[in-house]
Amino acid sequence: MKEESYNDLENDKELKEDINSILKSQQVENIKIVHVYEDSNQVPEDIKGWNWGAFGLTLYWSIGNKVYLGLLILLSMVPYAGFVFAIVWKIVIAAKGNEWAWKAGKYKSVEEYKKVQESWKMPGIVAFILGILSIFIVFLFLIFFMAIFFSIINSYNSNIGNTGIYDSTDTYKF
């Protein structure tokens, strides 16, 4: 059986008129028109914005969404400057990540894209909160151990005069 497109129905006027009348009538109100973006460089306005998955789980999100530019987060391992770079890069990838992921992926619709990114949202927020909590805990431990260290140093310095060494001018001190 040969498949015919709508344009090939020029000879069958009756069928063409039936199709046109159905499309113009109220019977077509439940049809959902889905725009397929064939040009992957065209980014819909609906998806632009902040991406919590990209912010909280930058390395994993980048690999999962084929946004390999996000792997620059590995430069955060560079001593001193890496920490500052990581903070700046996480903000950049969270702000531009949706656009980069759209261009890298093969999504059929904006709804499909949003569903995929929604699955990254909660883990990204949890990772961010756990990161802040771990920095806070490390800071508290640092303060605690510094207090112990300075207490030991202060105790040592205050006992230096009472070493128990016999001096020729004094008697033995306890």
Protein backbone atom coordinates (compact mmCIF):
# COMPACT_ATOMS: atom_id res chain seq x y z
CA MET A 1 0.00 0.00 0.00
CA LYS A 2 1.42 3.36 -1.03
CA GLU A 3 1.48 6.12 1.59
CA GLU A 4 0.27 9.49 0.39
CA SER A 5 0.89 12.86 1.97
CA TYR A 6 -1.73 15.56 2.31
CA ASN A 7 -0.24 17.41 -0.67
CA ASP A 8 -0.60 14.33 -2.87
CA LEU A 9 -4.37 14.34 -2.40
CA GLU A 10 -5.03 16.94 -5.09
CA ASN A 11 -6.90 14.39 -7.17
CA ASP A 12 -9.13 13.28 -4.28
CA LYS A 13 -11.08 16.48 -3.67
CA GLU A 14 -13.69 14.86 -1.46
CA LEU A 15 -11.12 13.50 1.02
CA LYS A 16 -9.27 16.81 1.02
CA GLU A 17 -12.49 18.70 1.79
CA ASP A 18 -13.30 16.28 4.63
CA ILE A 19 -9.87 16.83 6.17
CA ASN A 20 -10.20 20.61 5.88
CA SER A 21 -13.68 20.60 7.46
CA ILE A 22 -12.44 18.48 10.39
CA LEU A 23 -9.50 20.80 10.97
CA LYS A 24 -11.75 23.87 10.92
CA SER A 25 -14.44 22.41 13.16
CA GLN A 26 -14.54 22.21 16.96
CA GLN A 27 -13.64 18.53 16.85
CA VAL A 28 -9.93 19.34 16.82
CA GLU A 29 -9.70 21.17 20.14
CA ASN A 30 -7.77 18.39 21.91
CA ILE A 31 -4.88 18.32 19.46
CA LYS A 32 -1.62 19.37 21.11
CA ILE A 33 0.86 21.02 18.81
CA VAL A 34 4.41 20.15 19.74
CA HIS A 35 7.20 22.16 18.24
CA VAL A 36 10.22 20.05 17.42
CA TYR A 37 13.37 22.13 17.38
CA GLU A 38 15.36 20.81 14.48
CA ASP A 39 17.95 23.54 14.84
CA SER A 40 19.74 22.65 18.07
CA ASN A 41 21.26 26.14 18.25
CA GLN A 42 17.80 27.62 18.74
CA VAL A 43 17.23 27.77 22.50
CA PRO A 44 13.61 28.21 23.65
CA GLU A 45 13.01 31.00 26.14
CA ASP A 46 11.17 28.57 28.46
CA ILE A 47 14.33 26.74 29.47
CA LYS A 48 16.69 29.64 30.08
CA GLY A 49 17.51 30.26 33.72
CA TRP A 50 19.16 28.80 36.81
CA ASN A 51 19.87 25.06 36.94
CA TRP A 52 20.27 23.62 40.44
CA GLY A 53 21.51 20.29 39.12
CA ALA A 54 24.34 22.00 37.27
CA PHE A 55 25.17 24.09 40.34
CA GLY A 56 25.18 21.36 42.97
CA LEU A 57 26.46 18.42 40.92
CA THR A 58 28.55 20.17 38.29
CA LEU A 59 30.84 17.27 37.38
CA TYR A 60 28.11 14.61 37.18
CA TRP A 61 25.56 16.91 35.54
CA SER A 62 28.10 17.88 32.87
CA ILE A 63 28.81 14.27 31.97
CA GLY A 64 25.14 13.27 32.09
CA ASN A 65 24.05 16.14 29.84
CA LYS A 66 27.06 15.99 27.49
CA VAL A 67 28.13 19.50 28.47
CA TYR A 68 31.82 18.72 28.59
CA LEU A 69 32.70 22.36 29.15
CA GLY A 70 31.50 21.74 32.69
CA LEU A 71 34.46 19.43 33.28
CA LEU A 72 36.53 22.56 33.83
CA ILE A 73 35.34 22.19 37.42
CA LEU A 74 38.24 19.75 37.77
CA LEU A 75 40.52 22.82 37.78
CA SER A 76 39.22 23.41 41.29
CA MET A 77 41.95 21.01 42.42
CA VAL A 78 44.58 23.64 41.63
CA PRO A 79 45.90 24.90 44.97
CA TYR A 80 44.68 28.28 46.23
CA ALA A 81 43.12 29.67 43.01
CA GLY A 82 41.13 26.50 42.39
CA PHE A 83 38.65 27.21 45.19
CA VAL A 84 37.83 30.65 43.83
CA PHE A 85 37.60 29.27 40.28
CA ALA A 86 35.22 26.50 41.44
CA ILE A 87 32.81 28.98 43.00
CA VAL A 88 32.80 31.21 39.91
CA TRP A 89 32.51 28.25 37.52
CA LYS A 90 29.59 26.72 39.45
CA ILE A 91 27.71 30.03 39.13
CA VAL A 92 28.48 30.27 35.39
CA ILE A 93 27.42 26.69 34.64
CA ALA A 94 24.24 27.06 36.70
CA ALA A 95 23.31 30.22 34.78
CA LYS A 96 24.20 28.99 31.27
CA GLY A 97 23.90 25.22 31.75
CA ASN A 98 20.32 24.95 30.47
CA GLU A 99 21.26 26.51 27.16
CA TRP A 100 24.37 24.35 26.77
CA ALA A 101 22.49 21.17 27.68
CA TRP A 102 19.73 21.99 25.19
CA LYS A 103 22.27 22.47 22.41
CA ALA A 104 24.14 19.27 23.33
CA GLY A 105 21.05 17.05 23.73
CA LYS A 106 18.58 15.64 21.25
CA TYR A 107 15.32 16.60 22.91
CA LYS A 108 12.00 16.31 21.09
CA SER A 109 10.24 18.96 23.14
CA VAL A 110 10.70 21.52 25.88
CA GLU A 111 8.58 19.34 28.18
CA GLU A 112 10.93 16.38 27.71
CA TYR A 113 13.92 18.62 28.45
CA LYS A 114 12.27 20.05 31.57
CA LYS A 115 11.45 16.56 32.83
CA VAL A 116 15.10 15.50 32.51
CA GLN A 117 16.38 18.63 34.24
CA GLU A 118 13.77 18.31 37.01
CA SER A 119 15.33 14.97 37.92
CA TRP A 120 18.63 16.80 38.58
CA LYS A 121 17.09 19.61 40.67
CA MET A 122 16.60 17.99 44.08
CA PRO A 123 19.94 16.09 44.12
CA GLY A 124 21.65 19.35 43.14
CA ILE A 125 20.03 21.28 45.99
CA VAL A 126 20.86 18.50 48.47
CA ALA A 127 24.50 18.43 47.29
CA PHE A 128 24.73 22.21 47.70
CA ILE A 129 23.31 22.10 51.24
CA LEU A 130 25.60 19.21 52.22
CA GLY A 131 28.56 21.16 50.82
CA ILE A 132 27.70 24.23 52.91
CA LEU A 133 27.21 22.05 56.02
CA SER A 134 30.53 20.28 55.50
CA ILE A 135 32.36 23.62 55.15
CA PHE A 136 30.69 24.79 58.36
CA ILE A 137 31.65 21.59 60.22
CA VAL A 138 35.27 21.81 59.01
CA PHE A 139 35.36 25.43 60.17
CA LEU A 140 34.08 24.42 63.64
CA PHE A 141 36.67 21.63 63.92
CA LEU A 142 39.38 24.07 62.88
CA ILE A 143 38.35 26.49 65.63
CA PHE A 144 38.15 23.63 68.16
CA PHE A 145 41.62 22.27 67.35
CA MET A 146 43.15 25.75 67.25
CA ALA A 147 41.72 26.40 70.73
CA ILE A 148 43.27 23.17 72.03
CA PHE A 149 46.59 23.95 70.35
CA PHE A 150 46.80 27.47 71.82
CA SER A 151 45.72 26.18 75.22
CA ILE A 152 48.62 23.69 75.18
CA ILE A 153 51.07 26.38 74.04
CA ASN A 154 49.84 28.77 76.74
CA SER A 155 50.13 26.07 79.39
CA TYR A 156 53.65 25.25 78.26
CA ASN A 157 54.71 28.93 78.31
CA SER A 158 53.29 29.53 81.80
CA ASN A 159 55.17 26.54 83.24
CA ILE A 160 58.57 27.42 81.76
CA GLY A 161 59.64 29.23 84.96
CA ASN A 162 58.79 26.21 87.07
CA THR A 163 61.01 23.68 85.39
CA GLY A 164 62.49 22.33 88.60
CA ILE A 165 66.06 23.11 87.50
CA TYR A 166 68.46 23.81 90.38
CA ASP A 167 69.92 27.28 90.27
CA SER A 168 73.07 28.17 92.17
CA THR A 169 71.43 31.22 93.70
CA ASP A 170 68.18 29.58 94.62
CA THR A 171 67.09 26.43 96.20
CA TYR A 172 65.51 23.65 94.24
CA LYS A 173 61.98 24.63 93.14
CA PHE A 174 59.04 22.32 92.81
